[in-house]
N, C-alpha and C. Protein backbone atom coordinates (compact mmCIF):
# COMPACT_ATOMS: atom_id res chain seq x y z
N MET A 1 -24.64 -19.76 -5.81
CA MET A 1 -23.92 -20.63 -4.88
C MET A 1 -22.42 -20.55 -5.16
N ILE A 2 -21.65 -20.29 -4.13
CA ILE A 2 -20.19 -20.20 -4.26
C ILE A 2 -19.59 -21.60 -4.16
N ARG A 3 -18.94 -22.04 -5.23
CA ARG A 3 -18.33 -23.38 -5.24
C ARG A 3 -16.82 -23.33 -5.12
N ALA A 4 -16.25 -22.13 -5.27
CA ALA A 4 -14.79 -22.00 -5.20
C ALA A 4 -14.42 -20.62 -4.67
N VAL A 5 -13.35 -20.59 -3.89
CA VAL A 5 -12.82 -19.32 -3.38
C VAL A 5 -11.38 -19.18 -3.86
N ILE A 6 -11.10 -18.06 -4.51
CA ILE A 6 -9.77 -17.78 -5.04
C ILE A 6 -9.15 -16.67 -4.18
N PHE A 7 -8.03 -16.98 -3.57
CA PHE A 7 -7.37 -16.04 -2.67
C PHE A 7 -6.19 -15.33 -3.35
N ASP A 8 -6.15 -14.02 -3.23
CA ASP A 8 -4.89 -13.34 -3.46
C ASP A 8 -3.94 -13.83 -2.36
N LEU A 9 -2.66 -13.72 -2.60
CA LEU A 9 -1.70 -14.28 -1.64
C LEU A 9 -1.22 -13.23 -0.64
N ASP A 10 -0.48 -12.27 -1.13
CA ASP A 10 0.13 -11.28 -0.25
C ASP A 10 -0.91 -10.30 0.28
N GLY A 11 -0.99 -10.19 1.59
CA GLY A 11 -1.95 -9.29 2.22
C GLY A 11 -3.24 -9.97 2.60
N VAL A 12 -3.45 -11.20 2.12
CA VAL A 12 -4.65 -11.96 2.44
C VAL A 12 -4.30 -13.21 3.24
N LEU A 13 -3.38 -14.01 2.71
CA LEU A 13 -2.95 -15.24 3.39
C LEU A 13 -1.64 -15.07 4.13
N VAL A 14 -0.81 -14.18 3.65
CA VAL A 14 0.51 -13.93 4.25
C VAL A 14 0.88 -12.48 3.95
N SER A 15 1.72 -11.91 4.76
CA SER A 15 2.17 -10.55 4.50
C SER A 15 3.67 -10.53 4.24
N THR A 16 4.03 -10.20 3.00
CA THR A 16 5.44 -10.02 2.67
C THR A 16 5.71 -8.57 2.28
N ASP A 17 4.77 -7.70 2.65
CA ASP A 17 4.90 -6.28 2.31
C ASP A 17 6.24 -5.71 2.74
N ASP A 18 6.65 -5.99 3.96
CA ASP A 18 7.89 -5.40 4.46
C ASP A 18 9.10 -5.96 3.70
N LEU A 19 9.03 -7.22 3.30
CA LEU A 19 10.13 -7.80 2.54
C LEU A 19 10.24 -7.15 1.16
N HIS A 20 9.08 -6.93 0.53
CA HIS A 20 9.09 -6.22 -0.76
C HIS A 20 9.66 -4.81 -0.58
N TYR A 21 9.18 -4.15 0.46
CA TYR A 21 9.65 -2.77 0.69
C TYR A 21 11.16 -2.73 0.87
N ARG A 22 11.69 -3.63 1.67
CA ARG A 22 13.13 -3.63 1.93
C ARG A 22 13.93 -3.91 0.66
N ALA A 23 13.42 -4.81 -0.19
CA ALA A 23 14.11 -5.12 -1.44
C ALA A 23 14.07 -3.94 -2.41
N TRP A 24 12.90 -3.31 -2.55
CA TRP A 24 12.81 -2.14 -3.42
C TRP A 24 13.62 -0.97 -2.87
N LYS A 25 13.62 -0.81 -1.56
CA LYS A 25 14.37 0.28 -0.93
C LYS A 25 15.86 0.12 -1.20
N GLN A 26 16.34 -1.10 -1.13
CA GLN A 26 17.75 -1.38 -1.41
C GLN A 26 18.11 -0.96 -2.83
N LEU A 27 17.23 -1.29 -3.78
CA LEU A 27 17.48 -0.92 -5.17
C LEU A 27 17.41 0.59 -5.37
N ALA A 28 16.38 1.22 -4.81
CA ALA A 28 16.21 2.66 -4.98
C ALA A 28 17.37 3.44 -4.36
N ASP A 29 17.81 3.03 -3.18
CA ASP A 29 18.93 3.72 -2.53
C ASP A 29 20.20 3.61 -3.38
N ALA A 30 20.41 2.45 -3.99
CA ALA A 30 21.60 2.26 -4.82
C ALA A 30 21.58 3.17 -6.04
N GLU A 31 20.37 3.52 -6.50
CA GLU A 31 20.23 4.40 -7.67
C GLU A 31 20.03 5.86 -7.29
N GLY A 32 19.98 6.14 -5.99
CA GLY A 32 19.76 7.52 -5.54
C GLY A 32 18.36 8.03 -5.81
N ILE A 33 17.38 7.13 -5.77
CA ILE A 33 15.99 7.48 -6.05
C ILE A 33 15.19 7.51 -4.75
N GLN A 34 14.40 8.57 -4.58
CA GLN A 34 13.56 8.66 -3.38
C GLN A 34 12.54 7.53 -3.37
N PHE A 35 12.46 6.85 -2.25
CA PHE A 35 11.48 5.77 -2.10
C PHE A 35 11.13 5.63 -0.64
N ASP A 36 9.85 5.64 -0.33
CA ASP A 36 9.40 5.50 1.06
C ASP A 36 8.15 4.63 1.09
N ARG A 37 7.60 4.46 2.28
CA ARG A 37 6.46 3.54 2.42
C ARG A 37 5.20 4.07 1.74
N ALA A 38 5.07 5.38 1.62
CA ALA A 38 3.92 5.94 0.91
C ALA A 38 3.98 5.56 -0.57
N ILE A 39 5.16 5.65 -1.16
CA ILE A 39 5.33 5.24 -2.56
C ILE A 39 5.13 3.73 -2.67
N ASN A 40 5.65 3.00 -1.71
CA ASN A 40 5.53 1.55 -1.71
C ASN A 40 4.07 1.11 -1.72
N HIS A 41 3.20 1.89 -1.09
CA HIS A 41 1.78 1.54 -1.05
C HIS A 41 1.18 1.50 -2.46
N ARG A 42 1.72 2.31 -3.36
CA ARG A 42 1.23 2.34 -4.74
C ARG A 42 1.56 1.05 -5.50
N LEU A 43 2.47 0.26 -4.96
CA LEU A 43 2.91 -0.96 -5.64
C LEU A 43 2.02 -2.16 -5.35
N ARG A 44 1.07 -2.01 -4.43
CA ARG A 44 0.23 -3.13 -4.03
C ARG A 44 -0.58 -3.64 -5.21
N GLY A 45 -0.47 -4.95 -5.46
CA GLY A 45 -1.31 -5.58 -6.47
C GLY A 45 -0.86 -5.41 -7.90
N VAL A 46 0.30 -4.78 -8.14
CA VAL A 46 0.76 -4.60 -9.51
C VAL A 46 2.02 -5.44 -9.74
N SER A 47 2.37 -5.62 -10.99
CA SER A 47 3.48 -6.49 -11.34
C SER A 47 4.82 -5.88 -10.98
N ARG A 48 5.87 -6.70 -11.04
CA ARG A 48 7.22 -6.23 -10.71
C ARG A 48 7.67 -5.10 -11.64
N MET A 49 7.45 -5.28 -12.94
CA MET A 49 7.89 -4.25 -13.89
C MET A 49 7.06 -2.98 -13.75
N GLN A 50 5.78 -3.11 -13.48
CA GLN A 50 4.95 -1.93 -13.24
C GLN A 50 5.41 -1.21 -11.97
N SER A 51 5.78 -1.99 -10.95
CA SER A 51 6.29 -1.40 -9.71
C SER A 51 7.58 -0.62 -9.97
N LEU A 52 8.45 -1.20 -10.78
CA LEU A 52 9.71 -0.53 -11.11
C LEU A 52 9.44 0.79 -11.82
N GLU A 53 8.49 0.80 -12.74
CA GLU A 53 8.17 2.04 -13.46
C GLU A 53 7.68 3.12 -12.49
N ILE A 54 6.91 2.73 -11.49
CA ILE A 54 6.44 3.70 -10.49
C ILE A 54 7.63 4.29 -9.73
N ILE A 55 8.56 3.42 -9.34
CA ILE A 55 9.74 3.88 -8.61
C ILE A 55 10.59 4.81 -9.48
N LEU A 56 10.71 4.49 -10.76
CA LEU A 56 11.56 5.28 -11.66
C LEU A 56 10.95 6.62 -12.05
N GLU A 57 9.72 6.87 -11.64
CA GLU A 57 9.12 8.18 -11.89
C GLU A 57 9.96 9.29 -11.25
N ARG A 58 10.69 8.96 -10.18
CA ARG A 58 11.49 9.95 -9.45
C ARG A 58 12.98 9.88 -9.80
N ALA A 59 13.31 9.09 -10.80
CA ALA A 59 14.71 8.96 -11.19
C ALA A 59 15.19 10.19 -11.95
N ALA A 60 16.45 10.52 -11.76
CA ALA A 60 17.03 11.69 -12.43
C ALA A 60 17.55 11.36 -13.82
N ARG A 61 17.52 10.09 -14.21
CA ARG A 61 18.01 9.66 -15.50
C ARG A 61 17.04 8.66 -16.10
N SER A 62 17.24 8.37 -17.37
CA SER A 62 16.41 7.36 -18.03
C SER A 62 17.15 6.03 -18.05
N TYR A 63 16.40 4.96 -18.19
CA TYR A 63 16.98 3.62 -18.16
C TYR A 63 16.54 2.84 -19.40
N SER A 64 17.46 2.08 -19.96
CA SER A 64 17.15 1.26 -21.12
C SER A 64 16.29 0.07 -20.69
N PRO A 65 15.57 -0.53 -21.61
CA PRO A 65 14.79 -1.73 -21.27
C PRO A 65 15.66 -2.83 -20.66
N GLU A 66 16.89 -2.96 -21.16
CA GLU A 66 17.79 -3.99 -20.64
C GLU A 66 18.18 -3.70 -19.19
N ARG A 67 18.44 -2.43 -18.90
CA ARG A 67 18.82 -2.04 -17.54
C ARG A 67 17.63 -2.22 -16.59
N LYS A 68 16.43 -1.89 -17.06
CA LYS A 68 15.24 -2.08 -16.24
C LYS A 68 15.04 -3.56 -15.90
N ALA A 69 15.26 -4.41 -16.90
CA ALA A 69 15.11 -5.84 -16.66
C ALA A 69 16.12 -6.33 -15.63
N ALA A 70 17.35 -5.81 -15.73
CA ALA A 70 18.39 -6.20 -14.77
C ALA A 70 18.05 -5.70 -13.37
N MET A 71 17.50 -4.50 -13.26
CA MET A 71 17.11 -3.95 -11.96
C MET A 71 15.99 -4.78 -11.35
N ALA A 72 15.01 -5.16 -12.16
CA ALA A 72 13.90 -5.98 -11.65
C ALA A 72 14.41 -7.33 -11.17
N ASP A 73 15.35 -7.91 -11.90
CA ASP A 73 15.93 -9.19 -11.49
C ASP A 73 16.70 -9.05 -10.18
N ALA A 74 17.42 -7.92 -10.03
CA ALA A 74 18.18 -7.69 -8.80
C ALA A 74 17.24 -7.54 -7.61
N LYS A 75 16.14 -6.82 -7.83
CA LYS A 75 15.17 -6.68 -6.75
C LYS A 75 14.60 -8.03 -6.36
N ASN A 76 14.27 -8.86 -7.36
CA ASN A 76 13.68 -10.16 -7.06
C ASN A 76 14.67 -11.06 -6.33
N ALA A 77 15.95 -10.97 -6.70
CA ALA A 77 16.97 -11.77 -6.01
C ALA A 77 17.06 -11.37 -4.54
N ALA A 78 17.03 -10.05 -4.29
CA ALA A 78 17.07 -9.56 -2.91
C ALA A 78 15.83 -10.01 -2.14
N TYR A 79 14.67 -9.95 -2.80
CA TYR A 79 13.41 -10.36 -2.17
C TYR A 79 13.41 -11.85 -1.85
N ARG A 80 13.89 -12.67 -2.77
CA ARG A 80 13.93 -14.11 -2.54
C ARG A 80 14.88 -14.46 -1.39
N ASP A 81 15.96 -13.70 -1.25
CA ASP A 81 16.85 -13.91 -0.11
C ASP A 81 16.11 -13.63 1.19
N LEU A 82 15.30 -12.56 1.19
CA LEU A 82 14.54 -12.22 2.39
C LEU A 82 13.46 -13.26 2.67
N LEU A 83 12.91 -13.87 1.61
CA LEU A 83 11.88 -14.89 1.79
C LEU A 83 12.39 -16.13 2.53
N SER A 84 13.69 -16.29 2.57
CA SER A 84 14.26 -17.46 3.26
C SER A 84 13.92 -17.44 4.75
N THR A 85 13.53 -16.27 5.26
CA THR A 85 13.19 -16.15 6.69
C THR A 85 11.73 -16.50 6.96
N LEU A 86 10.93 -16.70 5.91
CA LEU A 86 9.50 -16.95 6.07
C LEU A 86 9.26 -18.34 6.65
N THR A 87 8.28 -18.46 7.56
CA THR A 87 7.92 -19.74 8.17
C THR A 87 6.40 -19.86 8.24
N PRO A 88 5.86 -21.03 8.58
CA PRO A 88 4.41 -21.17 8.72
C PRO A 88 3.80 -20.19 9.72
N ALA A 89 4.60 -19.73 10.66
CA ALA A 89 4.10 -18.77 11.64
C ALA A 89 3.77 -17.41 11.02
N ASP A 90 4.22 -17.18 9.78
CA ASP A 90 3.98 -15.91 9.11
C ASP A 90 2.65 -15.86 8.37
N ALA A 91 1.90 -16.96 8.36
CA ALA A 91 0.55 -16.92 7.78
C ALA A 91 -0.28 -15.90 8.56
N LEU A 92 -1.09 -15.14 7.86
CA LEU A 92 -1.89 -14.11 8.52
C LEU A 92 -3.00 -14.72 9.37
N PRO A 93 -3.45 -14.00 10.40
CA PRO A 93 -4.48 -14.52 11.31
C PRO A 93 -5.73 -14.98 10.56
N GLY A 94 -6.18 -16.16 10.90
CA GLY A 94 -7.41 -16.69 10.34
C GLY A 94 -7.25 -17.42 9.02
N ALA A 95 -6.09 -17.30 8.38
CA ALA A 95 -5.92 -17.89 7.05
C ALA A 95 -6.00 -19.42 7.09
N ASP A 96 -5.24 -20.03 7.97
CA ASP A 96 -5.21 -21.49 8.05
C ASP A 96 -6.58 -22.05 8.42
N ALA A 97 -7.23 -21.42 9.38
CA ALA A 97 -8.54 -21.89 9.83
C ALA A 97 -9.58 -21.76 8.71
N MET A 98 -9.52 -20.66 7.95
CA MET A 98 -10.48 -20.46 6.87
C MET A 98 -10.29 -21.49 5.77
N LEU A 99 -9.04 -21.78 5.43
CA LEU A 99 -8.79 -22.80 4.41
C LEU A 99 -9.34 -24.16 4.85
N SER A 100 -9.12 -24.49 6.10
CA SER A 100 -9.62 -25.77 6.63
C SER A 100 -11.13 -25.82 6.60
N ALA A 101 -11.78 -24.71 6.96
CA ALA A 101 -13.24 -24.67 7.00
C ALA A 101 -13.83 -24.80 5.60
N LEU A 102 -13.23 -24.14 4.64
CA LEU A 102 -13.72 -24.23 3.26
C LEU A 102 -13.55 -25.65 2.71
N GLN A 103 -12.40 -26.23 2.96
CA GLN A 103 -12.13 -27.57 2.44
C GLN A 103 -13.01 -28.61 3.11
N ALA A 104 -13.36 -28.38 4.38
CA ALA A 104 -14.26 -29.30 5.09
C ALA A 104 -15.66 -29.29 4.47
N ARG A 105 -16.01 -28.16 3.84
CA ARG A 105 -17.33 -28.03 3.20
C ARG A 105 -17.29 -28.45 1.73
N GLY A 106 -16.15 -28.85 1.25
CA GLY A 106 -16.05 -29.26 -0.14
C GLY A 106 -15.94 -28.10 -1.11
N VAL A 107 -15.63 -26.91 -0.59
CA VAL A 107 -15.44 -25.73 -1.45
C VAL A 107 -14.01 -25.74 -1.99
N LYS A 108 -13.86 -25.63 -3.29
CA LYS A 108 -12.54 -25.62 -3.88
C LYS A 108 -11.82 -24.31 -3.56
N THR A 109 -10.50 -24.38 -3.46
CA THR A 109 -9.71 -23.19 -3.16
C THR A 109 -8.56 -23.06 -4.13
N ALA A 110 -8.19 -21.81 -4.40
CA ALA A 110 -7.08 -21.54 -5.30
C ALA A 110 -6.38 -20.27 -4.85
N VAL A 111 -5.16 -20.12 -5.32
CA VAL A 111 -4.42 -18.87 -5.18
C VAL A 111 -4.38 -18.21 -6.55
N GLY A 112 -4.68 -16.91 -6.58
CA GLY A 112 -4.58 -16.12 -7.81
C GLY A 112 -3.73 -14.91 -7.52
N SER A 113 -2.45 -14.98 -7.85
CA SER A 113 -1.50 -13.94 -7.46
C SER A 113 -0.67 -13.48 -8.66
N SER A 114 -0.36 -12.18 -8.69
CA SER A 114 0.53 -11.65 -9.73
C SER A 114 1.99 -11.95 -9.43
N SER A 115 2.28 -12.40 -8.22
CA SER A 115 3.65 -12.68 -7.83
C SER A 115 4.22 -13.86 -8.60
N ARG A 116 5.49 -13.75 -8.99
CA ARG A 116 6.18 -14.87 -9.62
C ARG A 116 6.81 -15.79 -8.56
N ASN A 117 6.67 -15.41 -7.31
CA ASN A 117 7.27 -16.18 -6.22
C ASN A 117 6.24 -16.92 -5.38
N ALA A 118 5.03 -17.06 -5.90
CA ALA A 118 3.96 -17.66 -5.12
C ALA A 118 4.30 -19.08 -4.67
N SER A 119 4.88 -19.87 -5.55
CA SER A 119 5.20 -21.26 -5.18
C SER A 119 6.22 -21.33 -4.05
N LEU A 120 7.21 -20.43 -4.09
CA LEU A 120 8.21 -20.39 -3.01
C LEU A 120 7.57 -19.98 -1.69
N ILE A 121 6.70 -18.99 -1.74
CA ILE A 121 6.03 -18.52 -0.53
C ILE A 121 5.16 -19.65 0.06
N LEU A 122 4.40 -20.32 -0.78
CA LEU A 122 3.56 -21.42 -0.31
C LEU A 122 4.40 -22.55 0.28
N GLU A 123 5.54 -22.80 -0.34
CA GLU A 123 6.45 -23.82 0.20
C GLU A 123 6.92 -23.44 1.60
N LYS A 124 7.30 -22.18 1.79
CA LYS A 124 7.78 -21.71 3.10
C LYS A 124 6.69 -21.78 4.15
N LEU A 125 5.44 -21.60 3.72
CA LEU A 125 4.32 -21.67 4.66
C LEU A 125 3.90 -23.12 4.94
N GLY A 126 4.45 -24.06 4.17
CA GLY A 126 4.03 -25.45 4.31
C GLY A 126 2.72 -25.72 3.61
N TRP A 127 2.38 -24.92 2.61
CA TRP A 127 1.08 -25.01 1.92
C TRP A 127 1.22 -25.41 0.47
N SER A 128 2.28 -26.05 0.07
CA SER A 128 2.48 -26.39 -1.35
C SER A 128 1.35 -27.23 -1.92
N ASP A 129 0.75 -28.09 -1.08
CA ASP A 129 -0.32 -28.98 -1.56
C ASP A 129 -1.67 -28.62 -0.96
N ARG A 130 -1.82 -27.39 -0.52
CA ARG A 130 -3.02 -26.99 0.22
C ARG A 130 -4.18 -26.58 -0.70
N PHE A 131 -3.87 -26.20 -1.93
CA PHE A 131 -4.88 -25.62 -2.82
C PHE A 131 -5.17 -26.53 -4.01
N ASP A 132 -6.39 -26.39 -4.53
CA ASP A 132 -6.77 -27.16 -5.72
C ASP A 132 -6.12 -26.60 -6.98
N ALA A 133 -5.74 -25.34 -6.96
CA ALA A 133 -5.05 -24.72 -8.10
C ALA A 133 -4.25 -23.53 -7.61
N VAL A 134 -3.14 -23.26 -8.28
CA VAL A 134 -2.33 -22.08 -8.01
C VAL A 134 -2.00 -21.42 -9.34
N VAL A 135 -2.35 -20.16 -9.47
CA VAL A 135 -2.02 -19.37 -10.66
C VAL A 135 -1.22 -18.16 -10.19
N ASP A 136 -0.04 -17.96 -10.77
CA ASP A 136 0.77 -16.81 -10.36
C ASP A 136 1.32 -16.09 -11.57
N GLY A 137 2.25 -15.18 -11.32
CA GLY A 137 2.78 -14.34 -12.38
C GLY A 137 3.50 -15.10 -13.47
N ASN A 138 3.89 -16.34 -13.20
CA ASN A 138 4.55 -17.15 -14.22
C ASN A 138 3.56 -17.72 -15.24
N ASP A 139 2.27 -17.67 -14.91
CA ASP A 139 1.24 -18.29 -15.75
C ASP A 139 0.49 -17.30 -16.63
N ILE A 140 0.69 -16.02 -16.40
CA ILE A 140 -0.16 -15.02 -17.05
C ILE A 140 0.66 -14.01 -17.86
N GLN A 141 -0.02 -13.38 -18.81
CA GLN A 141 0.59 -12.33 -19.62
C GLN A 141 0.23 -10.94 -19.10
N HIS A 142 -0.89 -10.84 -18.40
CA HIS A 142 -1.40 -9.54 -17.95
C HIS A 142 -1.61 -9.55 -16.44
N SER A 143 -1.07 -8.57 -15.76
CA SER A 143 -1.24 -8.46 -14.31
C SER A 143 -2.56 -7.78 -13.97
N LYS A 144 -2.97 -7.91 -12.73
CA LYS A 144 -4.15 -7.19 -12.25
C LYS A 144 -3.94 -5.68 -12.48
N PRO A 145 -4.97 -4.95 -12.87
CA PRO A 145 -6.41 -5.27 -12.83
C PRO A 145 -6.97 -6.07 -14.00
N HIS A 146 -6.11 -6.56 -14.88
CA HIS A 146 -6.60 -7.47 -15.92
C HIS A 146 -7.11 -8.74 -15.23
N PRO A 147 -8.20 -9.30 -15.70
CA PRO A 147 -8.82 -10.45 -15.00
C PRO A 147 -8.16 -11.80 -15.28
N GLU A 148 -7.10 -11.85 -16.09
CA GLU A 148 -6.55 -13.12 -16.55
C GLU A 148 -6.25 -14.10 -15.43
N VAL A 149 -5.64 -13.63 -14.35
CA VAL A 149 -5.22 -14.54 -13.28
C VAL A 149 -6.42 -15.26 -12.65
N PHE A 150 -7.53 -14.56 -12.50
CA PHE A 150 -8.71 -15.17 -11.88
C PHE A 150 -9.47 -16.04 -12.88
N VAL A 151 -9.52 -15.61 -14.13
CA VAL A 151 -10.18 -16.41 -15.17
C VAL A 151 -9.46 -17.76 -15.32
N LEU A 152 -8.13 -17.73 -15.32
CA LEU A 152 -7.35 -18.96 -15.45
C LEU A 152 -7.53 -19.85 -14.22
N ALA A 153 -7.57 -19.24 -13.03
CA ALA A 153 -7.78 -20.02 -11.81
C ALA A 153 -9.12 -20.75 -11.85
N ALA A 154 -10.17 -20.04 -12.28
CA ALA A 154 -11.49 -20.67 -12.38
C ALA A 154 -11.48 -21.82 -13.38
N LYS A 155 -10.77 -21.61 -14.49
CA LYS A 155 -10.68 -22.66 -15.50
C LYS A 155 -9.99 -23.90 -14.95
N ARG A 156 -8.90 -23.69 -14.20
CA ARG A 156 -8.17 -24.83 -13.63
C ARG A 156 -8.99 -25.53 -12.55
N LEU A 157 -9.84 -24.78 -11.86
CA LEU A 157 -10.71 -25.37 -10.84
C LEU A 157 -11.90 -26.10 -11.46
N GLY A 158 -12.23 -25.73 -12.71
CA GLY A 158 -13.40 -26.31 -13.35
C GLY A 158 -14.70 -25.75 -12.82
N VAL A 159 -14.66 -24.46 -12.40
CA VAL A 159 -15.83 -23.80 -11.82
C VAL A 159 -16.13 -22.53 -12.62
N PRO A 160 -17.38 -22.29 -13.01
CA PRO A 160 -17.71 -21.07 -13.74
C PRO A 160 -17.39 -19.82 -12.91
N PRO A 161 -16.96 -18.74 -13.55
CA PRO A 161 -16.65 -17.51 -12.82
C PRO A 161 -17.77 -17.03 -11.90
N ALA A 162 -19.01 -17.19 -12.33
CA ALA A 162 -20.15 -16.73 -11.54
C ALA A 162 -20.29 -17.48 -10.22
N GLN A 163 -19.62 -18.64 -10.10
CA GLN A 163 -19.68 -19.42 -8.87
C GLN A 163 -18.37 -19.35 -8.08
N CYS A 164 -17.56 -18.36 -8.43
CA CYS A 164 -16.28 -18.14 -7.73
C CYS A 164 -16.33 -16.85 -6.90
N LEU A 165 -15.70 -16.90 -5.76
CA LEU A 165 -15.52 -15.73 -4.91
C LEU A 165 -14.03 -15.44 -4.81
N VAL A 166 -13.66 -14.19 -5.01
CA VAL A 166 -12.27 -13.76 -4.87
C VAL A 166 -12.10 -13.01 -3.55
N VAL A 167 -11.03 -13.32 -2.84
CA VAL A 167 -10.69 -12.61 -1.61
C VAL A 167 -9.45 -11.79 -1.90
N GLU A 168 -9.56 -10.47 -1.79
CA GLU A 168 -8.52 -9.55 -2.22
C GLU A 168 -8.28 -8.44 -1.20
N ASP A 169 -7.06 -7.88 -1.23
CA ASP A 169 -6.76 -6.75 -0.34
C ASP A 169 -6.33 -5.51 -1.11
N ALA A 170 -6.30 -5.58 -2.44
CA ALA A 170 -5.83 -4.45 -3.24
C ALA A 170 -6.89 -4.04 -4.26
N ALA A 171 -6.97 -2.74 -4.52
CA ALA A 171 -7.98 -2.23 -5.45
C ALA A 171 -7.82 -2.84 -6.84
N ALA A 172 -6.56 -3.04 -7.28
CA ALA A 172 -6.32 -3.63 -8.60
C ALA A 172 -6.88 -5.04 -8.67
N GLY A 173 -6.77 -5.78 -7.58
CA GLY A 173 -7.30 -7.13 -7.53
C GLY A 173 -8.82 -7.16 -7.51
N VAL A 174 -9.41 -6.21 -6.80
CA VAL A 174 -10.87 -6.10 -6.78
C VAL A 174 -11.39 -5.83 -8.19
N ASP A 175 -10.74 -4.91 -8.89
CA ASP A 175 -11.14 -4.61 -10.27
C ASP A 175 -11.00 -5.85 -11.15
N ALA A 176 -9.90 -6.59 -10.97
CA ALA A 176 -9.68 -7.80 -11.77
C ALA A 176 -10.78 -8.82 -11.54
N ALA A 177 -11.16 -9.01 -10.28
CA ALA A 177 -12.21 -9.98 -9.95
C ALA A 177 -13.54 -9.58 -10.57
N ARG A 178 -13.86 -8.30 -10.49
CA ARG A 178 -15.13 -7.83 -11.07
C ARG A 178 -15.13 -8.01 -12.58
N ARG A 179 -14.00 -7.73 -13.21
CA ARG A 179 -13.91 -7.91 -14.66
C ARG A 179 -14.02 -9.37 -15.05
N ALA A 180 -13.64 -10.26 -14.14
CA ALA A 180 -13.75 -11.70 -14.39
C ALA A 180 -15.18 -12.20 -14.16
N GLY A 181 -16.05 -11.35 -13.65
CA GLY A 181 -17.42 -11.74 -13.38
C GLY A 181 -17.59 -12.51 -12.09
N MET A 182 -16.71 -12.23 -11.12
CA MET A 182 -16.73 -12.95 -9.85
C MET A 182 -17.14 -12.06 -8.70
N ALA A 183 -17.69 -12.66 -7.66
CA ALA A 183 -17.98 -11.94 -6.43
C ALA A 183 -16.66 -11.63 -5.72
N VAL A 184 -16.66 -10.60 -4.89
CA VAL A 184 -15.42 -10.18 -4.21
C VAL A 184 -15.68 -9.96 -2.74
N PHE A 185 -14.73 -10.44 -1.92
CA PHE A 185 -14.71 -10.11 -0.50
C PHE A 185 -13.36 -9.44 -0.22
N GLY A 186 -13.39 -8.28 0.43
CA GLY A 186 -12.18 -7.53 0.66
C GLY A 186 -11.57 -7.76 2.04
N ILE A 187 -10.24 -7.78 2.07
CA ILE A 187 -9.52 -7.79 3.34
C ILE A 187 -8.83 -6.45 3.46
N GLY A 188 -9.27 -5.66 4.44
CA GLY A 188 -8.71 -4.32 4.59
C GLY A 188 -9.74 -3.37 5.16
N THR A 189 -9.56 -2.10 4.87
CA THR A 189 -10.41 -1.05 5.41
C THR A 189 -11.10 -0.29 4.26
N PRO A 190 -12.22 0.37 4.55
CA PRO A 190 -12.96 1.07 3.49
C PRO A 190 -12.13 2.13 2.76
N ASP A 191 -11.18 2.76 3.45
CA ASP A 191 -10.39 3.79 2.77
C ASP A 191 -9.44 3.17 1.74
N ARG A 192 -9.02 1.94 1.96
CA ARG A 192 -8.13 1.26 1.02
C ARG A 192 -8.90 0.54 -0.08
N LEU A 193 -10.15 0.18 0.22
CA LEU A 193 -10.98 -0.54 -0.76
C LEU A 193 -12.32 0.19 -0.90
N PRO A 194 -12.29 1.41 -1.43
CA PRO A 194 -13.52 2.21 -1.53
C PRO A 194 -14.55 1.56 -2.43
N GLY A 195 -15.80 1.65 -2.00
CA GLY A 195 -16.89 1.11 -2.80
C GLY A 195 -17.15 -0.37 -2.60
N LEU A 196 -16.32 -1.03 -1.82
CA LEU A 196 -16.51 -2.46 -1.57
C LEU A 196 -17.29 -2.63 -0.26
N ILE A 197 -18.44 -3.25 -0.35
CA ILE A 197 -19.32 -3.36 0.82
C ILE A 197 -18.92 -4.53 1.71
N ARG A 198 -18.58 -5.64 1.12
CA ARG A 198 -18.26 -6.83 1.89
C ARG A 198 -16.76 -6.88 2.15
N LEU A 199 -16.36 -6.61 3.38
CA LEU A 199 -14.94 -6.65 3.73
C LEU A 199 -14.77 -6.82 5.23
N ALA A 200 -13.55 -7.21 5.63
CA ALA A 200 -13.18 -7.40 7.02
C ALA A 200 -11.70 -7.09 7.17
N PRO A 201 -11.26 -6.74 8.38
CA PRO A 201 -9.84 -6.43 8.58
C PRO A 201 -8.91 -7.60 8.28
N SER A 202 -9.37 -8.83 8.53
CA SER A 202 -8.56 -10.02 8.26
C SER A 202 -9.49 -11.22 8.15
N LEU A 203 -8.95 -12.34 7.74
CA LEU A 203 -9.76 -13.55 7.67
C LEU A 203 -10.18 -14.05 9.05
N ALA A 204 -9.47 -13.61 10.08
CA ALA A 204 -9.84 -13.97 11.44
C ALA A 204 -11.12 -13.25 11.89
N ASP A 205 -11.51 -12.22 11.14
CA ASP A 205 -12.67 -11.41 11.51
C ASP A 205 -13.92 -11.75 10.72
N VAL A 206 -13.89 -12.85 9.97
CA VAL A 206 -15.05 -13.25 9.19
C VAL A 206 -15.25 -14.75 9.32
N SER A 207 -16.49 -15.19 9.42
CA SER A 207 -16.79 -16.62 9.49
C SER A 207 -16.89 -17.20 8.09
N VAL A 208 -16.77 -18.49 7.99
CA VAL A 208 -16.89 -19.13 6.68
C VAL A 208 -18.29 -18.92 6.12
N ASP A 209 -19.32 -18.87 6.98
CA ASP A 209 -20.69 -18.62 6.51
C ASP A 209 -20.81 -17.24 5.90
N ASP A 210 -20.23 -16.25 6.56
CA ASP A 210 -20.30 -14.89 6.02
C ASP A 210 -19.49 -14.76 4.73
N LEU A 211 -18.38 -15.46 4.66
CA LEU A 211 -17.55 -15.40 3.45
C LEU A 211 -18.32 -15.95 2.25
N LEU A 212 -19.03 -17.04 2.46
CA LEU A 212 -19.72 -17.71 1.37
C LEU A 212 -21.11 -17.14 1.09
N ARG A 213 -21.55 -16.24 1.96
CA ARG A 213 -22.89 -15.67 1.76
C ARG A 213 -22.95 -14.88 0.46
N GLU A 214 -23.99 -15.09 -0.31
CA GLU A 214 -24.14 -14.36 -1.56
C GLU A 214 -24.71 -12.97 -1.28
N GLY A 215 -24.36 -12.03 -2.18
CA GLY A 215 -24.86 -10.67 -2.00
C GLY A 215 -23.72 -9.69 -1.88
C-alpha cells in the first residue's frame, strides 16, 4: 500500500530546464567552452558541481577548486535571477490536480530534489505549504543517484520506504529511488527512462488510481 508519494521537482512538477540551460550557457560562453542542449541533457538529475564538471570536460584549461566554486556560485546567481520570472502558471500539466487528488485521499506528499533552490521555486509556484515534507540539496551530502534525498524524505514523512512511491523524470533519480527501496513512476519517454515499465508523458496523462497502483 502506497502511503506517501515523493516528487522530484524539476521536470515533474515544474520545468526550469530552459532557465538552467541559459544560466549554464552564459557561464560556458564566458569561458569559451562549447555547450549546447545535447550536453545540457547530461546534467539532468545531477548536482550543480557535478554539472560543472561535465561542462568543464571541454575546457581548454584546468580550474582550481576555488575557481570552480566561484563559477558554480555565478551560475546559481544567474539562475536565481531567471527564476524571478517563474509564476504558478509554470507548474507542469496535471501537477496541481494530482497533488490535490493525493491529499484528498490522505496520501502524504513530499518533494525530493537535488536542487538547492527548491524552496524558492515552490514559493514562486505558490506551493510553499503544499507538501508534508521538502528535502533538497541543502539537506543532503550526496546527490542522486545516491538514495539519501528519498530516504530522508521518507523519514520526515514518517513512512517506511517500502510504502513510498517516487515520481521521477531522470535516470539518476530512478536509480536513487530503487536504491532507497521505493517504487518508481516515471515521467517521460521509454528512451529517456529505459527499463522503467510504469511511466507517462506527464502527470496529466495518469490518474491518481494508476499512480498509486502497486506493481
